[in-house]
């Protein structure tokens, strides 16, 4: 049974300020929590779960050694950011140290400039994971990766994709001079016309509203675009990321 104090503490983690102060965040839903429990490099502080979830994943729960509180689906939903939660909710410690991003040969890094919608960031992480991109560099103005909407939209990909926040000019200053930086624009060269490039590089995406900032535009080595065949004004950044990653993956395998 969920106590009033536990419910209060869980609801508090809906707020960014509390997450930062406590260094904790929420992971919600059956599949994602099960993935989390199976991952050895994340510290799960406590688990709130229904009897059905506990019975289905008792081996994982025992193996993780997590503090367990059995709850009803109604209790879980009352403290969840989801519309309905009939399985589980975990309280997880944020990593104490940010991952060290490095650009190896034949790999791509996604760089996000001011992507402030949490759902979009979560979708981008899921897309990066799908295409084998394991590193995402975010500007400080990009949405917080531990926002519950980001975690939910990523569908577990936050467990496998390293996310770092840093002023992007500082990040680009660490790259070698010959690094390819592909910037997504409405008026760039068609992604369909690119030639195979096995060396990899950086894919830079701006927000749908603002695009890539002028400061970063000077660092782009090649402006690219997704050609339009209809009348839509623009694409959601997640969809754009998927189309670009798919084309680059296809070219790298030629």
Protein backbone atom coordinates (compact mmCIF):
# COMPACT_ATOMS: atom_id res chain seq x y z
CA UNK A 1 0.00 0.00 0.00
CA UNK A 2 1.21 3.48 -0.86
CA UNK A 3 1.55 5.84 2.11
CA UNK A 4 0.61 9.52 1.92
CA UNK A 5 4.24 10.52 2.36
CA UNK A 6 5.39 8.20 -0.43
CA UNK A 7 2.68 9.55 -2.73
CA UNK A 8 3.73 13.12 -1.94
CA UNK A 9 7.39 12.37 -2.69
CA UNK A 10 6.56 10.66 -5.98
CA UNK A 11 4.38 13.54 -7.16
CA UNK A 12 7.16 15.96 -6.24
CA UNK A 13 9.43 14.23 -8.78
CA UNK A 14 7.08 15.42 -11.52
CA UNK A 15 8.83 18.79 -11.07
CA UNK A 16 12.23 19.57 -12.56
CA UNK A 17 13.34 21.50 -9.49
CA UNK A 18 12.76 18.51 -7.19
CA UNK A 19 14.46 16.12 -9.60
CA UNK A 20 17.54 18.34 -9.63
CA UNK A 21 17.59 18.80 -5.87
CA UNK A 22 17.22 15.09 -5.14
CA UNK A 23 19.11 13.71 -8.15
CA UNK A 24 16.21 11.34 -8.82
CA UNK A 25 13.76 10.75 -11.66
CA UNK A 26 10.81 8.52 -12.52
CA UNK A 27 10.53 5.60 -14.93
CA UNK A 28 6.99 4.42 -15.57
CA UNK A 29 5.24 1.54 -17.30
CA UNK A 30 5.69 -2.22 -17.51
CA UNK A 31 8.13 -2.66 -20.40
CA UNK A 32 10.43 0.25 -19.58
CA UNK A 33 10.65 -0.60 -15.87
CA UNK A 34 11.40 -4.23 -16.74
CA UNK A 35 14.20 -3.07 -19.07
CA UNK A 36 15.50 -0.81 -16.32
CA UNK A 37 15.64 -3.63 -13.77
CA UNK A 38 17.62 -5.74 -16.24
CA UNK A 39 20.15 -2.94 -16.82
CA UNK A 40 23.07 -3.21 -14.39
CA UNK A 41 24.40 0.35 -14.74
CA UNK A 42 21.39 2.25 -13.35
CA UNK A 43 20.74 2.63 -9.63
CA UNK A 44 17.07 1.99 -8.88
CA UNK A 45 16.25 3.46 -5.48
CA UNK A 46 12.74 2.06 -5.10
CA UNK A 47 10.06 0.25 -7.06
CA UNK A 48 6.29 0.68 -6.75
CA UNK A 49 4.44 -2.10 -8.54
CA UNK A 50 1.19 -4.02 -8.76
CA UNK A 51 0.90 -7.66 -7.75
CA UNK A 52 0.64 -8.65 -11.42
CA UNK A 53 3.95 -6.93 -12.26
CA UNK A 54 5.66 -8.39 -9.21
CA UNK A 55 4.54 -11.89 -10.13
CA UNK A 56 5.59 -11.50 -13.77
CA UNK A 57 9.06 -10.11 -12.99
CA UNK A 58 9.86 -11.55 -9.56
CA UNK A 59 13.20 -12.89 -10.80
CA UNK A 60 14.34 -9.49 -12.05
CA UNK A 61 13.10 -7.76 -8.91
CA UNK A 62 14.95 -10.20 -6.65
CA UNK A 63 18.10 -9.91 -8.74
CA UNK A 64 18.04 -6.09 -8.57
CA UNK A 65 17.65 -6.03 -4.80
CA UNK A 66 15.46 -2.95 -5.07
CA UNK A 67 13.22 -1.70 -2.27
CA UNK A 68 9.74 -2.85 -3.29
CA UNK A 69 6.34 -1.40 -2.42
CA UNK A 70 3.25 -3.23 -3.67
CA UNK A 71 0.48 -0.91 -4.86
CA UNK A 72 -2.84 -1.09 -6.61
CA UNK A 73 -3.21 0.17 -10.17
CA UNK A 74 -5.33 3.05 -8.83
CA UNK A 75 -2.59 4.10 -6.42
CA UNK A 76 0.05 3.96 -9.15
CA UNK A 77 -2.04 6.00 -11.55
CA UNK A 78 -2.64 8.63 -8.85
CA UNK A 79 1.11 9.35 -8.60
CA UNK A 80 2.06 8.68 -12.22
CA UNK A 81 2.52 11.15 -15.05
CA UNK A 82 0.83 8.60 -17.32
CA UNK A 83 -2.91 8.65 -17.95
CA UNK A 84 -3.02 5.08 -16.64
CA UNK A 85 -0.39 2.92 -14.97
CA UNK A 86 -1.36 -0.63 -14.02
CA UNK A 87 2.16 -2.04 -13.75
CA UNK A 88 5.09 -0.23 -12.16
CA UNK A 89 6.89 3.00 -11.33
CA UNK A 90 10.57 3.20 -10.39
CA UNK A 91 12.54 5.95 -8.68
CA UNK A 92 16.00 6.08 -10.23
CA UNK A 93 19.18 7.95 -9.34
CA UNK A 94 20.62 10.23 -11.98
CA UNK A 95 24.17 9.26 -12.99
CA UNK A 96 26.67 11.24 -10.92
CA UNK A 97 28.92 11.85 -13.89
CA UNK A 98 27.93 12.78 -17.43
CA UNK A 99 29.02 10.34 -20.15
CA UNK A 100 32.19 11.18 -22.04
CA UNK A 101 31.18 11.73 -25.66
CA UNK A 102 33.75 11.01 -28.33
CA UNK A 103 33.49 10.79 -32.09
CA UNK A 104 34.98 7.56 -33.39
CA UNK A 105 35.54 6.86 -37.06
CA UNK A 106 32.52 5.57 -39.01
CA UNK A 107 30.08 6.81 -36.36
CA UNK A 108 27.57 9.64 -36.13
CA UNK A 109 26.61 11.86 -33.20
CA UNK A 110 23.33 13.75 -33.06
CA UNK A 111 23.61 17.37 -31.86
CA UNK A 112 20.38 19.09 -30.81
CA UNK A 113 20.10 22.88 -30.77
CA UNK A 114 17.20 24.07 -28.63
CA UNK A 115 14.86 21.08 -28.97
CA UNK A 116 12.65 22.12 -26.06
CA UNK A 117 9.68 19.78 -26.49
CA UNK A 118 10.14 16.74 -24.19
CA UNK A 119 8.19 14.42 -26.47
CA UNK A 120 10.40 15.36 -29.42
CA UNK A 121 13.58 14.71 -27.43
CA UNK A 122 12.29 11.31 -26.34
CA UNK A 123 11.43 10.44 -29.95
CA UNK A 124 14.90 11.50 -31.11
CA UNK A 125 16.51 9.22 -28.51
CA UNK A 126 14.37 6.32 -29.71
CA UNK A 127 15.34 7.05 -33.33
CA UNK A 128 19.02 7.32 -32.43
CA UNK A 129 18.79 3.95 -30.69
CA UNK A 130 17.04 2.38 -33.71
CA UNK A 131 19.80 3.51 -36.08
CA UNK A 132 22.67 2.58 -33.77
CA UNK A 133 23.61 6.14 -32.80
CA UNK A 134 24.73 5.87 -29.21
CA UNK A 135 25.56 9.51 -28.43
CA UNK A 136 23.45 12.68 -28.40
CA UNK A 137 24.85 16.12 -27.57
CA UNK A 138 22.26 18.65 -26.37
CA UNK A 139 22.43 22.40 -26.02
CA UNK A 140 21.53 23.72 -22.52
CA UNK A 141 18.24 24.98 -24.00
CA UNK A 142 17.18 21.47 -25.04
CA UNK A 143 14.57 19.71 -22.89
CA UNK A 144 15.75 17.88 -19.77
CA UNK A 145 16.38 14.21 -20.50
CA UNK A 146 14.93 13.18 -17.11
CA UNK A 147 11.59 14.85 -17.77
CA UNK A 148 9.00 12.04 -17.46
CA UNK A 149 7.68 12.83 -20.95
CA UNK A 150 11.17 12.32 -22.41
CA UNK A 151 11.62 9.04 -20.54
CA UNK A 152 8.21 7.77 -21.68
CA UNK A 153 8.63 8.85 -25.31
CA UNK A 154 12.06 7.25 -25.53
CA UNK A 155 10.50 3.80 -24.86
CA UNK A 156 13.60 2.67 -22.94
CA UNK A 157 16.16 4.12 -25.35
CA UNK A 158 17.42 6.49 -22.64
CA UNK A 159 19.03 3.38 -21.15
CA UNK A 160 21.25 2.87 -24.21
CA UNK A 161 21.84 6.34 -25.68
CA UNK A 162 24.31 8.62 -23.88
CA UNK A 163 23.01 12.18 -23.51
CA UNK A 164 25.26 15.11 -22.62
CA UNK A 165 24.42 18.81 -22.17
CA UNK A 166 27.00 21.37 -23.18
CA UNK A 167 27.10 24.67 -25.09
CA UNK A 168 27.35 23.37 -28.65
CA UNK A 169 30.10 25.80 -29.75
CA UNK A 170 32.29 24.32 -26.99
CA UNK A 171 31.49 20.80 -28.21
CA UNK A 172 32.29 21.63 -31.84
CA UNK A 173 35.59 23.20 -30.73
CA UNK A 174 36.75 19.76 -29.56
CA UNK A 175 36.22 18.14 -32.97
CA UNK A 176 38.95 17.74 -35.56
CA UNK A 177 38.98 20.26 -38.40
CA UNK A 178 37.89 17.72 -41.02
CA UNK A 179 34.80 16.51 -39.14
CA UNK A 180 31.66 16.50 -41.27
CA UNK A 181 28.88 18.58 -39.70
CA UNK A 182 25.59 18.12 -41.52
CA UNK A 183 23.09 20.83 -40.61
CA UNK A 184 19.38 20.29 -41.34
CA UNK A 185 17.81 23.25 -43.17
CA UNK A 186 14.79 23.88 -45.35
CA UNK A 187 17.00 25.17 -48.16
CA UNK A 188 19.93 22.75 -48.04
CA UNK A 189 21.14 20.11 -50.48
CA UNK A 190 18.78 17.16 -50.87
CA UNK A 191 19.67 14.29 -48.55
CA UNK A 192 18.95 12.01 -51.52
CA UNK A 193 21.91 13.46 -53.43
CA UNK A 194 24.57 12.76 -50.82
CA UNK A 195 27.37 10.38 -51.73
CA UNK A 196 28.48 7.53 -49.45
CA UNK A 197 30.47 8.81 -46.48
CA UNK A 198 31.84 6.03 -44.28
CA UNK A 199 33.69 8.49 -42.02
CA UNK A 200 30.65 9.62 -40.03
CA UNK A 201 30.41 12.97 -38.27
CA UNK A 202 27.78 15.14 -36.59
CA UNK A 203 24.12 15.58 -37.54
CA UNK A 204 22.96 19.00 -36.27
CA UNK A 205 19.22 19.57 -35.78
CA UNK A 206 17.51 22.76 -34.67
CA UNK A 207 13.99 23.32 -33.38
CA UNK A 208 11.08 23.42 -35.80
CA UNK A 209 10.33 27.02 -34.80
CA UNK A 210 13.84 28.52 -34.66
CA UNK A 211 16.04 26.21 -36.70
CA UNK A 212 19.80 26.13 -36.20
CA UNK A 213 21.17 29.21 -34.44
CA UNK A 214 23.31 31.68 -36.39
CA UNK A 215 26.26 30.97 -34.09
CA UNK A 216 26.26 27.31 -35.06
CA UNK A 217 25.48 27.90 -38.73
CA UNK A 218 29.09 28.97 -39.29
CA UNK A 219 30.25 25.55 -38.06
CA UNK A 220 28.10 23.55 -40.49
CA UNK A 221 30.19 22.01 -43.27
CA UNK A 222 27.19 20.97 -45.36
CA UNK A 223 23.60 22.14 -45.34
CA UNK A 224 21.15 19.32 -46.04
CA UNK A 225 17.39 19.10 -46.44
CA UNK A 226 14.65 16.53 -46.85
CA UNK A 227 12.97 17.31 -50.18
CA UNK A 228 9.26 18.09 -49.96
CA UNK A 229 6.73 16.76 -52.47
CA UNK A 230 3.64 18.35 -50.95
CA UNK A 231 2.58 21.57 -49.25
CA UNK A 232 3.52 20.95 -45.58
CA UNK A 233 5.55 23.81 -44.13
CA UNK A 234 8.01 21.65 -42.19
CA UNK A 235 8.61 18.32 -40.47
CA UNK A 236 8.60 17.45 -36.80
CA UNK A 237 12.23 17.21 -35.62
CA UNK A 238 11.80 13.55 -34.71
CA UNK A 239 10.56 12.66 -38.17
CA UNK A 240 13.35 14.71 -39.74
CA UNK A 241 15.92 12.91 -37.60
CA UNK A 242 14.55 9.53 -38.71
CA UNK A 243 14.64 10.39 -42.42
CA UNK A 244 18.17 11.79 -42.22
CA UNK A 245 19.49 8.87 -40.15
CA UNK A 246 17.91 6.36 -42.50
CA UNK A 247 19.51 7.94 -45.55
CA UNK A 248 22.92 8.17 -43.89
CA UNK A 249 22.72 4.59 -42.69
CA UNK A 250 21.84 3.48 -46.22
CA UNK A 251 24.77 5.44 -47.68
CA UNK A 252 27.24 4.09 -45.12
CA UNK A 253 26.34 0.52 -46.06
CA UNK A 254 26.82 0.97 -49.81
